[in-house]
């Protein structure tokens, strides 16, 4: 693959990511506050919005075999004890 081919491929993927973000972002957060879903979940769980975001990032990047071995409730419990400011 040439550098030009790689650049074109990267640009195509980046455009797809941006379009997905535009479409799905409104589904998750509405029009007014892009972080409202994290804030609502934080209110429901007693976590900070950052802890909710961090938990979602861990869940996304963790292989599914480990996810099934670690229930969401355990991950939330561990995060509640984390010192995050």
N, C-alpha and C. Protein backbone atom coordinates (compact mmCIF):
# COMPACT_ATOMS: atom_id res chain seq x y z
N UNK A 1 0.85 -1.17 0.00
CA UNK A 1 0.00 0.00 0.00
C UNK A 1 0.90 1.23 0.00
N UNK A 2 0.61 2.12 -0.89
CA UNK A 2 1.40 3.36 -0.94
C UNK A 2 0.92 4.31 0.15
N UNK A 3 1.73 5.33 0.41
CA UNK A 3 1.33 6.33 1.40
C UNK A 3 0.05 7.04 0.97
N UNK A 4 -0.05 7.30 -0.32
CA UNK A 4 -1.26 7.97 -0.83
C UNK A 4 -2.49 7.08 -0.63
N UNK A 5 -2.35 5.79 -0.87
CA UNK A 5 -3.46 4.85 -0.65
C UNK A 5 -3.84 4.81 0.84
N UNK A 6 -2.83 4.77 1.68
CA UNK A 6 -3.08 4.73 3.12
C UNK A 6 -3.76 6.01 3.59
N UNK A 7 -3.31 7.13 3.08
CA UNK A 7 -3.92 8.42 3.44
C UNK A 7 -5.38 8.46 2.99
N UNK A 8 -5.65 8.01 1.79
CA UNK A 8 -7.02 7.99 1.27
C UNK A 8 -7.90 7.07 2.12
N UNK A 9 -7.39 5.92 2.50
CA UNK A 9 -8.13 4.97 3.33
C UNK A 9 -8.42 5.58 4.70
N UNK A 10 -7.42 6.21 5.29
CA UNK A 10 -7.59 6.84 6.59
C UNK A 10 -8.64 7.95 6.52
N UNK A 11 -8.59 8.75 5.48
CA UNK A 11 -9.56 9.83 5.32
C UNK A 11 -10.98 9.28 5.16
N UNK A 12 -11.13 8.22 4.41
CA UNK A 12 -12.43 7.59 4.23
C UNK A 12 -12.98 7.10 5.56
N UNK A 13 -12.13 6.43 6.32
CA UNK A 13 -12.55 5.92 7.63
C UNK A 13 -12.88 7.08 8.57
N UNK A 14 -12.10 8.13 8.55
CA UNK A 14 -12.34 9.28 9.41
C UNK A 14 -13.70 9.92 9.08
N UNK A 15 -14.02 10.02 7.81
CA UNK A 15 -15.31 10.57 7.41
C UNK A 15 -16.46 9.69 7.90
N UNK A 16 -16.28 8.37 7.83
CA UNK A 16 -17.30 7.44 8.32
C UNK A 16 -17.48 7.58 9.83
N UNK A 17 -16.40 7.74 10.54
CA UNK A 17 -16.46 7.91 12.00
C UNK A 17 -17.20 9.19 12.35
N UNK A 18 -16.89 10.27 11.64
CA UNK A 18 -17.56 11.54 11.90
C UNK A 18 -19.06 11.46 11.62
N UNK A 19 -19.43 10.81 10.54
CA UNK A 19 -20.84 10.68 10.20
C UNK A 19 -21.57 9.83 11.25
N UNK A 20 -20.96 8.75 11.68
CA UNK A 20 -21.54 7.92 12.73
C UNK A 20 -21.73 8.72 14.02
N UNK A 21 -20.74 9.51 14.37
CA UNK A 21 -20.81 10.34 15.55
C UNK A 21 -21.95 11.34 15.44
N UNK A 22 -22.12 11.95 14.29
CA UNK A 22 -23.22 12.90 14.09
C UNK A 22 -24.58 12.22 14.26
N UNK A 23 -24.72 11.04 13.68
CA UNK A 23 -26.00 10.33 13.75
C UNK A 23 -26.28 9.78 15.13
N UNK A 24 -25.33 9.07 15.70
CA UNK A 24 -25.57 8.37 16.96
C UNK A 24 -25.46 9.29 18.18
N UNK A 25 -24.67 10.34 18.08
CA UNK A 25 -24.51 11.26 19.20
C UNK A 25 -25.84 11.83 19.65
N UNK A 26 -26.69 12.17 18.72
CA UNK A 26 -28.01 12.72 19.05
C UNK A 26 -28.88 11.66 19.72
N UNK A 27 -28.75 10.40 19.29
CA UNK A 27 -29.52 9.32 19.91
C UNK A 27 -29.16 9.16 21.39
N UNK A 28 -27.87 9.27 21.69
CA UNK A 28 -27.42 9.04 23.05
C UNK A 28 -27.57 10.26 23.94
N UNK A 29 -27.40 11.46 23.38
CA UNK A 29 -27.32 12.64 24.24
C UNK A 29 -28.31 13.74 23.89
N UNK A 30 -29.01 13.63 22.79
CA UNK A 30 -29.92 14.70 22.40
C UNK A 30 -29.18 15.86 21.77
N UNK A 31 -29.86 16.97 21.67
CA UNK A 31 -29.30 18.14 20.99
C UNK A 31 -28.50 19.06 21.91
N UNK A 32 -28.90 19.16 23.18
CA UNK A 32 -28.35 20.24 24.00
C UNK A 32 -27.04 19.91 24.72
N UNK A 33 -26.91 18.73 25.30
CA UNK A 33 -25.73 18.40 26.11
C UNK A 33 -25.14 17.08 25.64
N UNK A 34 -23.99 17.16 25.03
CA UNK A 34 -23.35 15.96 24.47
C UNK A 34 -22.96 14.94 25.54
N UNK A 35 -22.88 15.37 26.78
CA UNK A 35 -22.49 14.47 27.87
C UNK A 35 -23.65 14.06 28.76
N UNK A 36 -24.88 14.37 28.35
CA UNK A 36 -26.03 14.12 29.22
C UNK A 36 -26.20 12.65 29.58
N UNK A 37 -25.90 11.75 28.68
CA UNK A 37 -26.04 10.32 28.98
C UNK A 37 -25.08 9.90 30.10
N UNK A 38 -23.85 10.42 30.07
CA UNK A 38 -22.89 10.11 31.13
C UNK A 38 -23.36 10.71 32.46
N UNK A 39 -23.92 11.91 32.41
CA UNK A 39 -24.39 12.57 33.63
C UNK A 39 -25.59 11.85 34.23
N UNK A 40 -26.52 11.42 33.38
CA UNK A 40 -27.68 10.66 33.87
C UNK A 40 -27.24 9.36 34.52
N UNK A 41 -26.32 8.65 33.86
CA UNK A 41 -25.83 7.40 34.42
C UNK A 41 -25.08 7.64 35.72
N UNK A 42 -24.34 8.72 35.79
CA UNK A 42 -23.63 9.06 37.03
C UNK A 42 -24.62 9.30 38.16
N UNK A 43 -25.69 10.02 37.88
CA UNK A 43 -26.72 10.26 38.91
C UNK A 43 -27.34 8.95 39.39
N UNK A 44 -27.57 8.03 38.48
CA UNK A 44 -28.20 6.75 38.83
C UNK A 44 -27.28 5.82 39.62
N UNK A 45 -25.97 5.92 39.37
CA UNK A 45 -25.03 4.98 39.98
C UNK A 45 -24.23 5.56 41.14
N UNK A 46 -24.25 6.87 41.31
CA UNK A 46 -23.44 7.49 42.35
C UNK A 46 -22.00 7.71 41.94
N UNK A 47 -21.71 7.52 40.67
CA UNK A 47 -20.37 7.76 40.15
C UNK A 47 -20.28 9.18 39.61
N UNK A 48 -19.08 9.61 39.28
CA UNK A 48 -18.92 10.87 38.58
C UNK A 48 -19.09 10.60 37.08
N UNK A 49 -19.42 11.63 36.30
CA UNK A 49 -19.50 11.42 34.85
C UNK A 49 -18.19 10.87 34.28
N UNK A 50 -17.06 11.32 34.83
CA UNK A 50 -15.77 10.80 34.34
C UNK A 50 -15.64 9.31 34.62
N UNK A 51 -16.07 8.86 35.78
CA UNK A 51 -15.99 7.43 36.11
C UNK A 51 -16.87 6.61 35.17
N UNK A 52 -18.05 7.14 34.85
CA UNK A 52 -18.93 6.45 33.90
C UNK A 52 -18.25 6.35 32.54
N UNK A 53 -17.66 7.45 32.09
CA UNK A 53 -16.96 7.45 30.80
C UNK A 53 -15.80 6.44 30.83
N UNK A 54 -15.01 6.46 31.91
CA UNK A 54 -13.87 5.55 32.01
C UNK A 54 -14.32 4.10 31.99
N UNK A 55 -15.43 3.82 32.66
CA UNK A 55 -15.97 2.46 32.67
C UNK A 55 -16.39 2.04 31.27
N UNK A 56 -17.01 2.95 30.53
CA UNK A 56 -17.43 2.61 29.16
C UNK A 56 -16.23 2.37 28.27
N UNK A 57 -15.17 3.11 28.46
CA UNK A 57 -13.95 2.93 27.66
C UNK A 57 -13.32 1.58 27.97
N UNK A 58 -13.31 1.19 29.24
CA UNK A 58 -12.76 -0.10 29.63
C UNK A 58 -13.60 -1.22 29.03
N UNK A 59 -14.91 -1.08 29.07
CA UNK A 59 -15.79 -2.12 28.53
C UNK A 59 -15.61 -2.28 27.03
N UNK A 60 -15.42 -1.18 26.34
CA UNK A 60 -15.26 -1.23 24.89
C UNK A 60 -13.94 -1.89 24.51
N UNK A 61 -12.87 -1.59 25.27
CA UNK A 61 -11.56 -2.08 24.89
C UNK A 61 -11.22 -3.45 25.48
N UNK A 62 -12.07 -3.97 26.35
CA UNK A 62 -11.80 -5.26 26.98
C UNK A 62 -12.38 -6.39 26.13
N UNK A 63 -11.61 -7.44 25.88
CA UNK A 63 -12.16 -8.57 25.11
C UNK A 63 -13.42 -9.12 25.75
N UNK A 64 -14.34 -9.60 24.93
CA UNK A 64 -15.64 -10.06 25.44
C UNK A 64 -15.51 -11.22 26.43
N UNK A 65 -14.48 -12.03 26.32
CA UNK A 65 -14.33 -13.13 27.27
C UNK A 65 -14.09 -12.59 28.67
N UNK A 66 -13.34 -11.50 28.78
CA UNK A 66 -13.11 -10.90 30.09
C UNK A 66 -14.34 -10.16 30.57
N UNK A 67 -15.07 -9.58 29.64
CA UNK A 67 -16.29 -8.87 30.03
C UNK A 67 -17.29 -9.81 30.67
N UNK A 68 -17.45 -10.99 30.07
CA UNK A 68 -18.42 -11.93 30.62
C UNK A 68 -17.99 -12.44 31.99
N UNK A 69 -16.71 -12.43 32.26
CA UNK A 69 -16.21 -12.88 33.55
C UNK A 69 -16.28 -11.78 34.61
N UNK A 70 -16.46 -10.53 34.19
CA UNK A 70 -16.52 -9.42 35.11
C UNK A 70 -17.84 -8.69 34.93
N UNK A 71 -18.82 -8.97 35.76
CA UNK A 71 -20.11 -8.32 35.63
C UNK A 71 -19.99 -6.80 35.75
N UNK A 72 -20.87 -6.09 35.06
CA UNK A 72 -20.86 -4.62 35.09
C UNK A 72 -20.94 -4.10 36.52
N UNK A 73 -21.72 -4.78 37.35
CA UNK A 73 -21.87 -4.33 38.74
C UNK A 73 -20.53 -4.32 39.46
N UNK A 74 -19.66 -5.31 39.18
CA UNK A 74 -18.34 -5.35 39.79
C UNK A 74 -17.49 -4.18 39.31
N UNK A 75 -17.56 -3.90 38.01
CA UNK A 75 -16.78 -2.78 37.48
C UNK A 75 -17.23 -1.47 38.11
N UNK A 76 -18.54 -1.30 38.26
CA UNK A 76 -19.07 -0.08 38.87
C UNK A 76 -18.64 0.00 40.33
N UNK A 77 -18.68 -1.11 41.05
CA UNK A 77 -18.27 -1.12 42.45
C UNK A 77 -16.81 -0.72 42.60
N UNK A 78 -15.98 -1.24 41.72
CA UNK A 78 -14.55 -0.87 41.77
C UNK A 78 -14.38 0.61 41.49
N UNK A 79 -15.12 1.13 40.53
CA UNK A 79 -14.99 2.55 40.19
C UNK A 79 -15.49 3.45 41.32
N UNK A 80 -16.51 3.01 42.05
CA UNK A 80 -17.00 3.82 43.17
C UNK A 80 -15.91 4.03 44.20
N UNK A 81 -15.06 3.04 44.34
CA UNK A 81 -13.98 3.16 45.31
C UNK A 81 -12.77 3.89 44.77
N UNK A 82 -12.74 4.16 43.48
CA UNK A 82 -11.59 4.84 42.88
C UNK A 82 -11.60 6.31 43.24
N UNK A 83 -10.44 6.83 43.46
CA UNK A 83 -10.30 8.25 43.75
C UNK A 83 -10.06 9.01 42.47
N UNK A 84 -11.11 9.57 41.92
CA UNK A 84 -11.00 10.31 40.66
C UNK A 84 -11.58 11.69 40.85
N UNK A 85 -10.80 12.70 40.57
CA UNK A 85 -11.30 14.07 40.69
C UNK A 85 -11.23 14.77 39.37
